[in-house]
Amino acid sequence: MDVILARGVERGEIDPARITPRISSLPFDLFRHELLMTLQAVPDETIEEFVDEIFLPLVEPR
């Protein structure tokens, strides 16, 4: 995850000041929760939702 976030910072898509340990683990935490609660493969649409609607708004430059 650190490499992914660093690349986003380099591209200017992520504000490094907004990254905390909890925020950086959030996408995987959401994925794991969905997987364990449904006991089914997590659909691509759900993963996109986690990233686009939850994670990115938290780390985007203002």
Protein backbone atom coordinates (compact mmCIF):
# COMPACT_ATOMS: atom_id res chain seq x y z
CA MET A 1 0.00 0.00 0.00
CA ASP A 2 2.90 2.35 0.72
CA VAL A 3 4.09 2.09 -2.88
CA ILE A 4 0.60 2.76 -4.24
CA LEU A 5 0.19 5.80 -2.00
CA ALA A 6 3.67 7.11 -2.86
CA ARG A 7 2.86 6.92 -6.56
CA GLY A 8 -0.38 8.82 -5.97
CA VAL A 9 1.55 11.48 -4.07
CA GLU A 10 4.08 11.76 -6.94
CA ARG A 11 1.24 12.28 -9.43
CA GLY A 12 -0.34 14.93 -7.18
CA GLU A 13 -3.49 12.88 -6.67
CA ILE A 14 -2.94 12.35 -2.94
CA ASP A 15 -2.06 14.83 -0.21
CA PRO A 16 0.62 13.14 1.94
CA ALA A 17 -0.44 15.21 4.95
CA ARG A 18 -3.83 13.50 4.90
CA ILE A 19 -2.47 9.94 5.04
CA THR A 20 -2.66 8.37 8.47
CA PRO A 21 -2.06 4.72 9.33
CA ARG A 22 -5.82 4.15 9.67
CA ILE A 23 -6.60 5.83 6.34
CA SER A 24 -3.87 3.93 4.50
CA SER A 25 -5.27 0.61 5.76
CA LEU A 26 -8.91 1.57 5.06
CA PRO A 27 -9.29 0.07 1.54
CA PHE A 28 -8.07 -3.34 2.69
CA ASP A 29 -10.10 -3.13 5.88
CA LEU A 30 -13.26 -2.46 3.87
CA PHE A 31 -12.42 -5.29 1.48
CA ARG A 32 -11.82 -7.73 4.32
CA HIS A 33 -15.03 -6.70 6.07
CA GLU A 34 -17.09 -7.19 2.91
CA LEU A 35 -15.49 -10.57 2.27
CA LEU A 36 -16.06 -11.84 5.80
CA MET A 37 -19.60 -10.52 6.09
CA THR A 38 -20.83 -11.94 2.77
CA LEU A 39 -18.51 -14.96 2.43
CA GLN A 40 -18.48 -14.26 -1.30
CA ALA A 41 -16.03 -12.73 -3.73
CA VAL A 42 -16.09 -8.94 -3.54
CA PRO A 43 -17.47 -7.56 -6.82
CA ASP A 44 -15.34 -5.13 -8.81
CA GLU A 45 -18.08 -2.51 -8.48
CA THR A 46 -17.82 -2.68 -4.69
CA ILE A 47 -14.04 -2.31 -4.78
CA GLU A 48 -14.40 0.69 -7.09
CA GLU A 49 -16.90 2.17 -4.64
CA PHE A 50 -14.47 1.72 -1.74
CA VAL A 51 -11.75 3.54 -3.65
CA ASP A 52 -13.68 6.22 -5.53
CA GLU A 53 -16.38 7.12 -3.00
CA ILE A 54 -14.69 6.47 0.34
CA PHE A 55 -10.89 6.39 0.14
CA LEU A 56 -10.00 9.00 -2.49
CA PRO A 57 -12.16 11.76 -0.99
CA LEU A 58 -10.22 11.28 2.25
CA VAL A 59 -6.79 11.75 0.68
CA GLU A 60 -7.35 14.08 -2.26
CA PRO A 61 -5.67 17.46 -2.13
CA ARG A 62 -8.20 20.09 -1.17
